[in-house]
Amino acid sequence: MEDARVISELQSRSLAGQITHRARTGRAIERFGTFDHASMSSLTLTTRGH
């Protein structure tokens, strides 16, 4: 949740707007079908510097 809060401020969105944005992005990725859970987990860890 803290991550969403920080990004919402950087993107000039409300916290609710940021969560909605992430939900829409997630649904679009799922519909596209190229990414699976393992791919998304790997991407998330990479972008966080882990």
C-alpha atoms as a PDB file:
ATOM      1  CA  MET A   1       0.000   0.000   0.000  1.00  0.00           C
ATOM      2  CA  GLU A   2       2.883   2.345   0.772  1.00  0.00           C
ATOM      3  CA  ASP A   3       4.250   1.762  -2.728  1.00  0.00           C
ATOM      4  CA  ALA A   4       0.905   2.818  -4.228  1.00  0.00           C
ATOM      5  CA  ARG A   5       0.875   5.910  -2.011  1.00  0.00           C
ATOM      6  CA  VAL A   6       4.354   7.003  -3.132  1.00  0.00           C
ATOM      7  CA  ILE A   7       3.643   6.402  -6.821  1.00  0.00           C
ATOM      8  CA  SER A   8       0.279   8.192  -6.579  1.00  0.00           C
ATOM      9  CA  GLU A   9       2.077  11.316  -5.408  1.00  0.00           C
ATOM     10  CA  LEU A  10       4.688  11.064  -8.163  1.00  0.00           C
ATOM     11  CA  GLN A  11       1.990  10.603 -10.821  1.00  0.00           C
ATOM     12  CA  SER A  12      -0.338  13.279  -9.383  1.00  0.00           C
ATOM     13  CA  ARG A  13      -3.084  10.733  -8.743  1.00  0.00           C
ATOM     14  CA  SER A  14      -5.167  10.149  -5.655  1.00  0.00           C
ATOM     15  CA  LEU A  15      -4.423   6.918  -3.816  1.00  0.00           C
ATOM     16  CA  ALA A  16      -7.755   5.519  -5.034  1.00  0.00           C
ATOM     17  CA  GLY A  17      -6.884   6.627  -8.564  1.00  0.00           C
ATOM     18  CA  GLN A  18      -3.517   4.863  -8.374  1.00  0.00           C
ATOM     19  CA  ILE A  19      -5.083   1.641  -7.145  1.00  0.00           C
ATOM     20  CA  THR A  20      -7.663   1.834  -9.949  1.00  0.00           C
ATOM     21  CA  HIS A  21      -4.877   2.440 -12.463  1.00  0.00           C
ATOM     22  CA  ARG A  22      -2.984  -0.626 -11.243  1.00  0.00           C
ATOM     23  CA  ALA A  23      -6.123  -2.757 -11.354  1.00  0.00           C
ATOM     24  CA  ARG A  24      -6.821  -1.697 -14.953  1.00  0.00           C
ATOM     25  CA  THR A  25      -3.212  -2.313 -15.925  1.00  0.00           C
ATOM     26  CA  GLY A  26      -3.284  -5.748 -14.307  1.00  0.00           C
ATOM     27  CA  ARG A  27      -6.498  -6.707 -16.102  1.00  0.00           C
ATOM     28  CA  ALA A  28      -5.064  -5.558 -19.433  1.00  0.00           C
ATOM     29  CA  ILE A  29      -1.930  -7.638 -18.872  1.00  0.00           C
ATOM     30  CA  GLU A  30      -4.009 -10.688 -17.974  1.00  0.00           C
ATOM     31  CA  ARG A  31      -6.156 -10.286 -21.107  1.00  0.00           C
ATOM     32  CA  PHE A  32      -3.078  -9.903 -23.300  1.00  0.00           C
ATOM     33  CA  GLY A  33      -2.047 -13.353 -22.147  1.00  0.00           C
ATOM     34  CA  THR A  34       1.715 -13.107 -22.601  1.00  0.00           C
ATOM     35  CA  PHE A  35       2.541 -12.688 -18.924  1.00  0.00           C
ATOM     36  CA  ASP A  36       1.948 -15.345 -16.325  1.00  0.00           C
ATOM     37  CA  HIS A  37       2.346 -15.055 -12.562  1.00  0.00           C
ATOM     38  CA  ALA A  38       6.031 -16.066 -12.633  1.00  0.00           C
ATOM     39  CA  SER A  39       6.817 -13.460 -15.305  1.00  0.00           C
ATOM     40  CA  MET A  40       5.034 -10.718 -13.390  1.00  0.00           C
ATOM     41  CA  SER A  41       6.721 -11.684 -10.116  1.00  0.00           C
ATOM     42  CA  SER A  42      10.100 -11.574 -11.824  1.00  0.00           C
ATOM     43  CA  LEU A  43       9.335  -8.183 -13.350  1.00  0.00           C
ATOM     44  CA  THR A  44       8.167  -6.794 -10.011  1.00  0.00           C
ATOM     45  CA  LEU A  45      11.310  -7.957  -8.229  1.00  0.00           C
ATOM     46  CA  THR A  46      13.513  -6.556 -11.004  1.00  0.00           C
ATOM     47  CA  THR A  47      11.911  -3.114 -10.925  1.00  0.00           C
ATOM     48  CA  ARG A  48      12.232  -2.945  -7.148  1.00  0.00           C
ATOM     49  CA  GLY A  49      15.935  -3.718  -7.304  1.00  0.00           C
ATOM     50  CA  HIS A  50      15.790  -7.123  -5.597  1.00  0.00           C
END
